[in-house]
């Protein structure tokens, strides 16, 4: 495994862990301010972290949305030189006003190395896992 692959897998693990414990300040810190987000649950493409934060707040307000846990499996890293595509399967337990449920999705996150050496996510795409997990 290359240094880049190792670094990105560590960052991705920390991102998933922050999401899974619903530590929103930590979670959103893994994204560039102008990152874009494509979610199968949201009609518009979210064109910034601020747009995603607003969407999240709406989920909480309208549905009582909370993340209870999240696990990642089948991680894959494609190093494109300064940009890395990370893909995996995610199993998430959420709670809403309707109760608790488990979701199974596939996710792709594009990371870009910043001038200071950090890897930040610049794009995230989430889709339903057709295998159900």
C-alpha atoms as a PDB file:
ATOM      1  CA  UNK A   1       0.000   0.000   0.000  1.00  0.00           C
ATOM      2  CA  UNK A   2       1.328   3.435  -0.910  1.00  0.00           C
ATOM      3  CA  UNK A   3       1.674   6.318   1.535  1.00  0.00           C
ATOM      4  CA  UNK A   4      -1.131   8.160  -0.264  1.00  0.00           C
ATOM      5  CA  UNK A   5      -3.476   5.181  -0.018  1.00  0.00           C
ATOM      6  CA  UNK A   6      -2.694   4.816   3.677  1.00  0.00           C
ATOM      7  CA  UNK A   7      -3.244   8.531   4.336  1.00  0.00           C
ATOM      8  CA  UNK A   8      -6.574   8.623   2.505  1.00  0.00           C
ATOM      9  CA  UNK A   9      -7.828   5.460   4.202  1.00  0.00           C
ATOM     10  CA  UNK A  10      -7.038   7.057   7.575  1.00  0.00           C
ATOM     11  CA  UNK A  11      -8.817  10.292   6.650  1.00  0.00           C
ATOM     12  CA  UNK A  12     -11.812   8.359   5.298  1.00  0.00           C
ATOM     13  CA  UNK A  13     -11.989   6.255   8.482  1.00  0.00           C
ATOM     14  CA  UNK A  14     -11.951   9.421  10.601  1.00  0.00           C
ATOM     15  CA  UNK A  15     -14.641  11.006   8.404  1.00  0.00           C
ATOM     16  CA  UNK A  16     -16.893   7.925   8.709  1.00  0.00           C
ATOM     17  CA  UNK A  17     -16.302   7.759  12.468  1.00  0.00           C
ATOM     18  CA  UNK A  18     -17.265  11.434  12.887  1.00  0.00           C
ATOM     19  CA  UNK A  19     -20.404  10.857  10.802  1.00  0.00           C
ATOM     20  CA  UNK A  20     -21.261   7.709  12.780  1.00  0.00           C
ATOM     21  CA  UNK A  21     -21.132   9.538  16.106  1.00  0.00           C
ATOM     22  CA  UNK A  22     -22.851  12.574  14.553  1.00  0.00           C
ATOM     23  CA  UNK A  23     -19.974  14.876  15.441  1.00  0.00           C
ATOM     24  CA  UNK A  24     -20.965  17.467  12.861  1.00  0.00           C
ATOM     25  CA  UNK A  25     -18.132  19.965  13.430  1.00  0.00           C
ATOM     26  CA  UNK A  26     -15.570  17.175  12.974  1.00  0.00           C
ATOM     27  CA  UNK A  27     -17.492  15.591  10.075  1.00  0.00           C
ATOM     28  CA  UNK A  28     -17.850  18.797   8.062  1.00  0.00           C
ATOM     29  CA  UNK A  29     -14.184  19.682   8.677  1.00  0.00           C
ATOM     30  CA  UNK A  30     -13.192  16.874   6.284  1.00  0.00           C
ATOM     31  CA  UNK A  31     -14.737  18.752   3.333  1.00  0.00           C
ATOM     32  CA  UNK A  32     -13.519  21.697   1.287  1.00  0.00           C
ATOM     33  CA  UNK A  33     -15.889  24.667   1.601  1.00  0.00           C
ATOM     34  CA  UNK A  34     -16.849  24.342  -2.090  1.00  0.00           C
ATOM     35  CA  UNK A  35     -17.287  20.562  -2.062  1.00  0.00           C
ATOM     36  CA  UNK A  36     -20.271  19.188  -3.964  1.00  0.00           C
ATOM     37  CA  UNK A  37     -22.674  16.503  -2.776  1.00  0.00           C
ATOM     38  CA  UNK A  38     -24.949  14.193  -4.777  1.00  0.00           C
ATOM     39  CA  UNK A  39     -27.330  12.200  -2.600  1.00  0.00           C
ATOM     40  CA  UNK A  40     -30.065   9.845  -3.791  1.00  0.00           C
ATOM     41  CA  UNK A  41     -32.262  11.231  -1.008  1.00  0.00           C
ATOM     42  CA  UNK A  42     -31.941  14.879  -2.055  1.00  0.00           C
ATOM     43  CA  UNK A  43     -33.134  16.267  -5.388  1.00  0.00           C
ATOM     44  CA  UNK A  44     -30.692  19.135  -5.882  1.00  0.00           C
ATOM     45  CA  UNK A  45     -26.933  18.803  -6.057  1.00  0.00           C
ATOM     46  CA  UNK A  46     -25.598  20.509  -2.950  1.00  0.00           C
ATOM     47  CA  UNK A  47     -22.875  22.883  -4.106  1.00  0.00           C
ATOM     48  CA  UNK A  48     -21.079  23.657  -0.849  1.00  0.00           C
ATOM     49  CA  UNK A  49     -20.585  22.547   2.731  1.00  0.00           C
ATOM     50  CA  UNK A  50     -22.901  25.377   3.788  1.00  0.00           C
ATOM     51  CA  UNK A  51     -25.644  23.993   1.521  1.00  0.00           C
ATOM     52  CA  UNK A  52     -25.118  20.536   3.053  1.00  0.00           C
ATOM     53  CA  UNK A  53     -25.276  21.979   6.583  1.00  0.00           C
ATOM     54  CA  UNK A  54     -28.575  23.689   5.728  1.00  0.00           C
ATOM     55  CA  UNK A  55     -29.936  20.438   4.260  1.00  0.00           C
ATOM     56  CA  UNK A  56     -28.875  18.505   7.369  1.00  0.00           C
ATOM     57  CA  UNK A  57     -30.586  21.080   9.619  1.00  0.00           C
ATOM     58  CA  UNK A  58     -33.758  20.674   7.550  1.00  0.00           C
ATOM     59  CA  UNK A  59     -33.609  16.864   7.940  1.00  0.00           C
ATOM     60  CA  UNK A  60     -33.325  17.355  11.698  1.00  0.00           C
ATOM     61  CA  UNK A  61     -36.122  19.931  11.864  1.00  0.00           C
ATOM     62  CA  UNK A  62     -38.588  18.157   9.578  1.00  0.00           C
ATOM     63  CA  UNK A  63     -37.847  14.506  10.324  1.00  0.00           C
ATOM     64  CA  UNK A  64     -35.998  14.353  13.630  1.00  0.00           C
ATOM     65  CA  UNK A  65     -33.042  12.919  11.699  1.00  0.00           C
ATOM     66  CA  UNK A  66     -30.138  11.530  13.735  1.00  0.00           C
ATOM     67  CA  UNK A  67     -27.226   9.258  12.863  1.00  0.00           C
ATOM     68  CA  UNK A  68     -26.817   6.453  15.383  1.00  0.00           C
ATOM     69  CA  UNK A  69     -23.906   4.575  13.792  1.00  0.00           C
ATOM     70  CA  UNK A  70     -22.062   4.057  10.536  1.00  0.00           C
ATOM     71  CA  UNK A  71     -19.653   1.390   9.333  1.00  0.00           C
ATOM     72  CA  UNK A  72     -17.584   1.195   6.191  1.00  0.00           C
ATOM     73  CA  UNK A  73     -16.572  -1.879   4.209  1.00  0.00           C
ATOM     74  CA  UNK A  74     -14.998  -2.798   0.882  1.00  0.00           C
ATOM     75  CA  UNK A  75     -12.864   0.352   0.739  1.00  0.00           C
ATOM     76  CA  UNK A  76     -11.082   1.098  -2.509  1.00  0.00           C
ATOM     77  CA  UNK A  77      -8.599   3.888  -3.209  1.00  0.00           C
ATOM     78  CA  UNK A  78      -7.691   5.092  -6.700  1.00  0.00           C
ATOM     79  CA  UNK A  79      -4.702   7.446  -6.641  1.00  0.00           C
ATOM     80  CA  UNK A  80      -4.859   9.871  -9.546  1.00  0.00           C
ATOM     81  CA  UNK A  81      -1.956  12.038  -8.367  1.00  0.00           C
ATOM     82  CA  UNK A  82      -3.070  14.842  -6.059  1.00  0.00           C
ATOM     83  CA  UNK A  83      -6.649  13.603  -6.320  1.00  0.00           C
ATOM     84  CA  UNK A  84      -7.862  10.316  -4.895  1.00  0.00           C
ATOM     85  CA  UNK A  85     -11.165   8.541  -5.462  1.00  0.00           C
ATOM     86  CA  UNK A  86     -12.292   6.625  -2.389  1.00  0.00           C
ATOM     87  CA  UNK A  87     -15.251   4.262  -2.697  1.00  0.00           C
ATOM     88  CA  UNK A  88     -16.860   1.934  -0.188  1.00  0.00           C
ATOM     89  CA  UNK A  89     -20.091   0.467   1.103  1.00  0.00           C
ATOM     90  CA  UNK A  90     -21.691   2.070   4.148  1.00  0.00           C
ATOM     91  CA  UNK A  91     -24.127   0.623   6.631  1.00  0.00           C
ATOM     92  CA  UNK A  92     -25.804   3.346   8.649  1.00  0.00           C
ATOM     93  CA  UNK A  93     -28.323   3.208  11.455  1.00  0.00           C
ATOM     94  CA  UNK A  94     -30.459   6.327  11.619  1.00  0.00           C
ATOM     95  CA  UNK A  95     -33.369   7.550  13.682  1.00  0.00           C
ATOM     96  CA  UNK A  96     -36.207   9.773  12.506  1.00  0.00           C
ATOM     97  CA  UNK A  97     -39.634  10.641  13.819  1.00  0.00           C
ATOM     98  CA  UNK A  98     -40.777   7.374  12.189  1.00  0.00           C
ATOM     99  CA  UNK A  99     -38.320   5.265  14.241  1.00  0.00           C
ATOM    100  CA  UNK A 100     -34.964   3.652  13.638  1.00  0.00           C
ATOM    101  CA  UNK A 101     -33.813   2.081  10.386  1.00  0.00           C
ATOM    102  CA  UNK A 102     -30.738   0.621   8.748  1.00  0.00           C
ATOM    103  CA  UNK A 103     -29.584   1.873   5.372  1.00  0.00           C
ATOM    104  CA  UNK A 104     -27.146   0.257   2.966  1.00  0.00           C
ATOM    105  CA  UNK A 105     -25.467   2.525   0.456  1.00  0.00           C
ATOM    106  CA  UNK A 106     -22.451   2.879  -1.787  1.00  0.00           C
ATOM    107  CA  UNK A 107     -20.420   6.030  -1.547  1.00  0.00           C
ATOM    108  CA  UNK A 108     -17.704   7.686  -3.556  1.00  0.00           C
ATOM    109  CA  UNK A 109     -15.664  10.509  -2.064  1.00  0.00           C
ATOM    110  CA  UNK A 110     -13.117  12.440  -4.091  1.00  0.00           C
ATOM    111  CA  UNK A 111     -10.250  13.750  -1.970  1.00  0.00           C
ATOM    112  CA  UNK A 112      -7.770  16.407  -3.058  1.00  0.00           C
ATOM    113  CA  UNK A 113      -4.428  17.107  -1.411  1.00  0.00           C
ATOM    114  CA  UNK A 114      -4.320  20.675  -0.137  1.00  0.00           C
ATOM    115  CA  UNK A 115      -1.286  22.964  -0.205  1.00  0.00           C
ATOM    116  CA  UNK A 116      -0.754  22.251   3.499  1.00  0.00           C
ATOM    117  CA  UNK A 117      -0.669  18.484   2.824  1.00  0.00           C
ATOM    118  CA  UNK A 118      -4.131  17.660   4.200  1.00  0.00           C
ATOM    119  CA  UNK A 119      -6.597  15.592   2.217  1.00  0.00           C
ATOM    120  CA  UNK A 120     -10.021  17.258   1.951  1.00  0.00           C
ATOM    121  CA  UNK A 121     -13.107  15.830   0.307  1.00  0.00           C
ATOM    122  CA  UNK A 122     -14.175  17.876  -2.721  1.00  0.00           C
ATOM    123  CA  UNK A 123     -17.047  15.672  -3.899  1.00  0.00           C
ATOM    124  CA  UNK A 124     -19.293  13.016  -2.375  1.00  0.00           C
ATOM    125  CA  UNK A 125     -21.767  10.806  -4.196  1.00  0.00           C
ATOM    126  CA  UNK A 126     -24.109   8.481  -2.314  1.00  0.00           C
ATOM    127  CA  UNK A 127     -26.336   5.856  -3.912  1.00  0.00           C
ATOM    128  CA  UNK A 128     -28.484   2.961  -2.782  1.00  0.00           C
ATOM    129  CA  UNK A 129     -26.558  -0.298  -2.525  1.00  0.00           C
ATOM    130  CA  UNK A 130     -28.359  -2.548  -5.029  1.00  0.00           C
ATOM    131  CA  UNK A 131     -27.182  -5.660  -3.178  1.00  0.00           C
ATOM    132  CA  UNK A 132     -28.741  -4.449   0.062  1.00  0.00           C
ATOM    133  CA  UNK A 133     -25.375  -4.643   1.768  1.00  0.00           C
END
